[in-house]
Protein backbone atom coordinates (compact mmCIF):
# COMPACT_ATOMS: atom_id res chain seq x y z
CA MET A 1 27.34 -35.34 -25.24
CA LYS A 2 30.35 -36.01 -22.81
CA ARG A 3 27.24 -37.59 -20.50
CA PHE A 4 26.21 -39.56 -23.29
CA ILE A 5 29.58 -41.08 -24.01
CA ILE A 6 30.39 -41.68 -20.42
CA GLN A 7 26.98 -43.49 -20.03
CA SER A 8 27.68 -45.50 -23.34
CA ASN A 9 30.90 -46.65 -22.20
CA ALA A 10 29.41 -47.66 -18.61
CA ILE A 11 27.10 -49.68 -20.39
CA ARG A 12 29.59 -51.51 -22.68
CA ILE A 13 31.64 -52.40 -19.96
CA ILE A 14 28.42 -53.79 -17.98
CA LEU A 15 27.53 -55.89 -20.87
CA ILE A 16 31.12 -57.23 -21.54
CA THR A 17 31.57 -58.23 -17.78
CA LEU A 18 27.70 -59.83 -17.85
CA PHE A 19 28.89 -61.79 -20.73
CA TRP A 20 32.06 -63.39 -19.40
CA LEU A 21 30.33 -63.81 -15.91
CA SER A 22 27.93 -65.91 -18.07
CA ILE A 23 30.58 -67.98 -19.34
CA TYR A 24 31.83 -68.62 -16.01
CA GLN A 25 28.68 -69.67 -14.68
CA MET A 26 27.79 -72.03 -17.52
CA LEU A 27 31.61 -73.81 -16.99
CA TYR A 28 30.78 -73.76 -13.11
CA MET A 29 27.47 -75.51 -13.93
CA TYR A 30 28.93 -77.88 -16.40
CA ILE A 31 31.89 -79.05 -14.27
CA ASN A 32 30.19 -79.17 -10.98
CA ASN A 33 32.73 -79.20 -8.81
CA ASP A 34 33.75 -76.39 -6.27
CA ILE A 35 37.27 -77.40 -6.28
CA TYR A 36 37.92 -76.91 -9.97
CA ILE A 37 35.57 -73.89 -10.45
CA PRO A 38 33.73 -72.38 -7.39
CA SER A 39 30.50 -70.43 -7.66
CA ILE A 40 30.55 -66.69 -8.24
CA GLN A 41 28.58 -66.38 -5.03
CA SER A 42 31.29 -68.30 -3.01
CA ILE A 43 34.16 -65.82 -4.55
CA LEU A 44 32.30 -62.79 -3.80
CA LYS A 45 31.65 -64.04 -0.14
CA GLU A 46 35.32 -64.79 0.23
CA THR A 47 36.20 -61.19 -1.50
CA THR A 48 33.71 -59.67 1.39
CA ASP A 49 35.60 -61.76 3.91
CA ILE A 50 38.91 -60.47 2.95
CA PHE A 51 37.87 -57.13 3.30
CA THR A 52 36.18 -57.49 6.71
CA ASN A 53 39.19 -59.50 8.14
CA LYS A 54 41.70 -57.22 9.49
CA GLU A 55 44.69 -59.81 9.28
CA LYS A 56 43.98 -60.13 5.36
CA LEU A 57 43.81 -56.28 5.04
CA ILE A 58 47.24 -56.25 6.50
CA ASP A 59 48.45 -58.74 3.92
CA ILE A 60 47.13 -56.18 1.15
CA ILE A 61 48.74 -53.51 2.83
CA PHE A 62 51.90 -55.12 2.76
CA THR A 63 51.85 -56.43 -0.66
CA LEU A 64 50.94 -52.72 -1.84
CA GLY A 65 53.52 -51.45 0.12
CA ARG A 66 56.44 -53.79 -1.38
CA MET A 67 55.00 -52.72 -4.73
CA ILE A 68 55.14 -49.02 -3.98
CA ILE A 69 59.02 -49.48 -3.02
CA GLY A 70 60.05 -51.69 -5.42
CA THR A 71 58.36 -49.55 -8.39
CA THR A 72 59.75 -46.41 -6.64
CA ILE A 73 63.09 -47.52 -6.19
CA SER A 74 62.92 -48.61 -9.85
CA ILE A 75 62.12 -45.54 -11.35
CA VAL A 76 64.49 -43.37 -9.54
CA ALA A 77 67.58 -45.55 -10.17
CA ALA A 78 66.58 -45.91 -13.73
CA ILE A 79 66.17 -42.10 -14.18
CA VAL A 80 69.91 -41.88 -12.55
CA ILE A 81 71.89 -44.27 -14.29
CA ALA A 82 69.98 -43.83 -17.70
CA VAL A 83 71.02 -40.27 -17.51
CA ILE A 84 74.61 -41.18 -16.78
CA CYS A 85 74.84 -43.56 -19.61
CA GLY A 86 72.88 -41.06 -21.78
CA SER A 87 75.84 -38.52 -21.58
CA LYS A 88 78.66 -40.88 -21.29
CA ASN A 89 78.62 -43.78 -23.95
CA TYR A 90 81.58 -46.13 -22.11
CA MET A 91 79.11 -46.07 -19.22
CA PHE A 92 75.99 -47.47 -21.34
CA GLU A 93 78.62 -50.08 -22.74
CA PHE A 94 79.51 -51.34 -19.27
CA ILE A 95 75.77 -51.13 -17.90
CA LYS A 96 73.95 -52.54 -20.89
CA PRO A 97 75.18 -56.52 -20.37
CA ALA A 98 74.06 -56.36 -16.77
CA MET A 99 70.85 -54.82 -17.50
CA ALA A 100 70.35 -57.47 -20.53
CA ILE A 101 71.07 -59.83 -18.01
CA LEU A 102 68.36 -58.91 -15.51
CA LYS A 103 65.64 -58.17 -18.19
CA THR A 104 66.09 -61.98 -19.81
CA ALA A 105 66.95 -63.96 -16.78
CA PRO A 106 63.82 -65.95 -15.95
CA SER A 107 62.27 -64.41 -12.34
CA ILE A 108 61.87 -68.10 -10.80
CA VAL A 109 65.62 -68.51 -11.26
CA LEU A 110 66.36 -64.88 -9.70
CA ILE A 111 63.83 -65.74 -6.84
CA LEU A 112 65.67 -69.32 -6.05
CA ILE A 113 68.89 -68.00 -6.25
CA SER A 114 68.03 -64.82 -3.91
CA LEU A 115 66.14 -66.96 -1.34
CA ILE A 116 69.72 -68.26 -0.54
CA TRP A 117 71.12 -64.52 -0.01
CA PHE A 118 68.27 -62.33 1.00
CA ASP A 119 65.72 -62.35 3.67
CA ALA A 120 61.89 -63.66 2.98
CA GLU A 121 60.53 -60.20 4.04
CA ASN A 122 62.73 -58.14 1.66
CA LEU A 123 63.08 -60.56 -1.06
CA PRO A 124 59.83 -59.61 -2.92
CA VAL A 125 61.28 -55.79 -2.96
CA ILE A 126 64.54 -57.02 -4.36
CA ILE A 127 63.01 -59.23 -6.93
CA CYS A 128 60.70 -56.12 -8.26
CA VAL A 129 63.62 -54.02 -8.51
CA ALA A 130 65.56 -56.47 -10.42
CA MET A 131 62.79 -57.04 -13.04
CA CYS A 132 61.53 -53.50 -13.29
CA LEU A 133 64.86 -51.65 -13.06
CA PRO A 134 65.97 -52.93 -16.87
CA ILE A 135 62.53 -52.10 -18.52
CA MET A 136 62.32 -48.39 -17.03
CA PHE A 137 66.24 -47.88 -17.51
CA SER A 138 65.83 -49.14 -21.35
CA ASN A 139 62.43 -46.95 -22.07
CA ILE A 140 64.58 -43.61 -20.67
CA VAL A 141 68.22 -44.23 -21.91
CA TYR A 142 67.02 -45.02 -25.34
CA GLY A 143 64.68 -41.94 -25.13
CA ILE A 144 67.81 -40.03 -24.27
CA LEU A 145 70.11 -41.57 -26.99
CA ASN A 146 67.13 -41.03 -29.46
CA ILE A 147 66.77 -37.23 -29.05
CA ASP A 148 67.38 -35.35 -32.42
CA LYS A 149 71.03 -33.53 -32.64
CA VAL A 150 68.93 -30.65 -34.25
CA TYR A 151 67.41 -29.91 -30.91
CA ILE A 152 71.06 -30.23 -29.21
CA ASP A 153 72.35 -28.02 -31.76
CA PHE A 154 69.66 -25.39 -31.35
CA VAL A 155 70.28 -25.33 -27.45
CA LYS A 156 74.27 -24.92 -28.21
CA VAL A 157 73.65 -21.94 -30.83
CA TYR A 158 71.21 -20.18 -28.56
CA ASN A 159 73.03 -20.91 -25.50
CA ILE A 160 70.10 -21.72 -23.34
CA LYS A 161 70.45 -22.03 -19.90
CA ARG A 162 70.67 -25.75 -18.54
CA LYS A 163 67.87 -25.60 -16.15
CA ASN A 164 65.46 -24.52 -19.03
CA VAL A 165 66.85 -27.37 -21.24
CA TYR A 166 66.21 -29.96 -18.53
CA SER A 167 62.63 -28.93 -18.28
CA TYR A 168 61.50 -27.62 -21.46
CA LEU A 169 63.66 -30.21 -23.68
CA TYR A 170 64.36 -33.50 -22.02
CA VAL A 171 61.33 -33.77 -19.82
CA SER A 172 59.11 -33.10 -22.58
CA LEU A 173 60.93 -35.53 -25.15
CA LEU A 174 61.12 -38.15 -22.91
CA LYS A 175 57.67 -38.11 -21.36
CA PRO A 176 56.14 -40.78 -23.78
CA TYR A 177 59.11 -43.18 -22.80
CA PHE A 178 58.99 -42.31 -19.13
CA ILE A 179 55.00 -42.83 -18.92
CA SER A 180 55.35 -46.24 -21.13
CA GLY A 181 57.62 -47.64 -18.65
CA VAL A 182 55.70 -46.74 -15.86
CA ASN A 183 52.81 -48.64 -17.69
CA THR A 184 54.73 -51.64 -18.00
CA ILE A 185 56.32 -51.98 -14.63
CA ILE A 186 53.19 -51.43 -12.51
CA GLY A 187 51.58 -54.73 -13.97
CA ILE A 188 55.03 -56.67 -14.01
CA SER A 189 55.73 -55.42 -10.12
CA PHE A 190 52.44 -57.16 -8.86
CA LYS A 191 53.18 -60.43 -10.27
CA VAL A 192 56.68 -60.55 -9.81
CA ILE A 193 55.91 -59.45 -5.91
CA ILE A 194 53.27 -62.04 -5.52
CA ALA A 195 55.23 -64.78 -7.12
CA THR A 196 58.21 -64.28 -4.98
CA GLU A 197 55.85 -63.90 -1.96
CA ILE A 198 54.35 -67.59 -2.75
CA LEU A 199 58.02 -68.99 -2.75
CA ALA A 200 59.33 -66.90 -0.01
CA LEU A 201 56.49 -67.01 2.47
CA PRO A 202 56.87 -63.72 4.35
CA ASP A 203 55.00 -63.15 7.58
CA TYR A 204 52.25 -61.11 5.28
CA GLY A 205 51.34 -60.49 2.13
CA ILE A 206 48.76 -61.77 -0.81
CA GLY A 207 51.04 -64.34 -2.23
CA LYS A 208 51.36 -66.12 1.11
CA ARG A 209 47.34 -66.20 1.32
CA ILE A 210 47.42 -67.50 -2.25
CA TYR A 211 49.72 -70.29 -1.06
CA ASP A 212 47.62 -71.14 1.91
CA SER A 213 44.69 -71.29 -0.20
CA LYS A 214 46.19 -73.68 -2.68
CA LEU A 215 47.65 -75.75 -0.11
CA TYR A 216 43.85 -76.34 1.76
CA LEU A 217 42.31 -76.24 -1.84
CA LYS A 218 40.17 -73.07 -1.03
CA THR A 219 40.09 -72.04 -4.83
CA ASP A 220 37.05 -69.40 -4.38
CA GLU A 221 39.63 -67.65 -1.88
CA MET A 222 42.46 -68.14 -4.23
CA LEU A 223 40.18 -66.79 -7.05
CA ALA A 224 39.20 -63.82 -4.76
CA TRP A 225 42.61 -62.87 -4.11
CA THR A 226 43.25 -62.91 -7.69
CA VAL A 227 40.25 -60.48 -8.47
CA ILE A 228 41.50 -57.99 -5.71
CA VAL A 229 45.17 -58.03 -7.19
CA ILE A 230 43.76 -57.38 -11.03
CA ILE A 231 41.38 -54.79 -9.67
CA ALA A 232 44.12 -53.07 -7.49
CA SER A 233 46.46 -53.12 -10.44
CA LEU A 234 44.26 -51.51 -12.90
CA LEU A 235 43.38 -48.87 -10.47
CA ILE A 236 47.01 -48.17 -9.58
CA GLU A 237 48.29 -48.01 -13.09
CA LYS A 238 45.19 -45.69 -13.79
CA TYR A 239 45.64 -43.07 -10.96
CA PHE A 240 49.34 -43.10 -11.01
CA ASN A 241 49.57 -42.55 -14.63
CA LYS A 242 47.01 -39.32 -14.04
CA PHE A 243 49.55 -38.42 -11.24
CA ILE A 244 52.58 -38.43 -13.27
CA ARG A 245 50.91 -36.64 -16.16
CA LYS A 246 49.96 -33.93 -13.88
CA LYS A 247 53.48 -33.89 -12.57
CA VAL A 248 55.12 -33.81 -15.77
CA GLU A 249 52.80 -31.11 -17.47
CA VAL A 250 53.57 -29.13 -14.25
CA ILE A 251 57.52 -29.22 -14.94
CA VAL A 252 56.89 -28.36 -18.63
């Protein structure tokens, strides 16, 4: 039964993929201009070239590294700040406006202002943290604030050890908020980092390659980089969530 379900899902994915590739191919044939819409063959050729070119692989590694560093800093900082704010209401009142500003400020404005202050190599990580931290913070802090008082009273009445409170109560109750936050920031972090790389133009990075492709009207290469980013983002989100779920289950 399980094998049949897996095969059905695979067939469905293949059919959907073929449908959209057919739509793209019809647009390509209708417009008949490689600058506007390049052929699928040329995009695949450029994608292959990226994975066989050492310099371009370095660009992928740098962007992935920035994404991992930025999201990790955001997650750790959000947990620490949210725990402090969740236990002390006056701290939450002080932190809330700063997080609201970061959450609502246009990313392009933050990038342009930060270009004056920071080095181009470090800027993508800084902007990633600025964009992802308030999202992760909001998820966790509101999860803490929404914990039913019944659980807190139960802990006090039965005098449960603090260690057990954290592992069995807070971790299990905050798990959905945490995973939801991680799901959100993984996609955002990739977009923000690449947008920052396009504007800051560091020595290495996918964003710099996309900018060069646009500059020389290499639309097929630009789309090849876009395909790689989408696939990488989906894979990281999938396996990172599996890893997080396992770790949380072990703790609980």
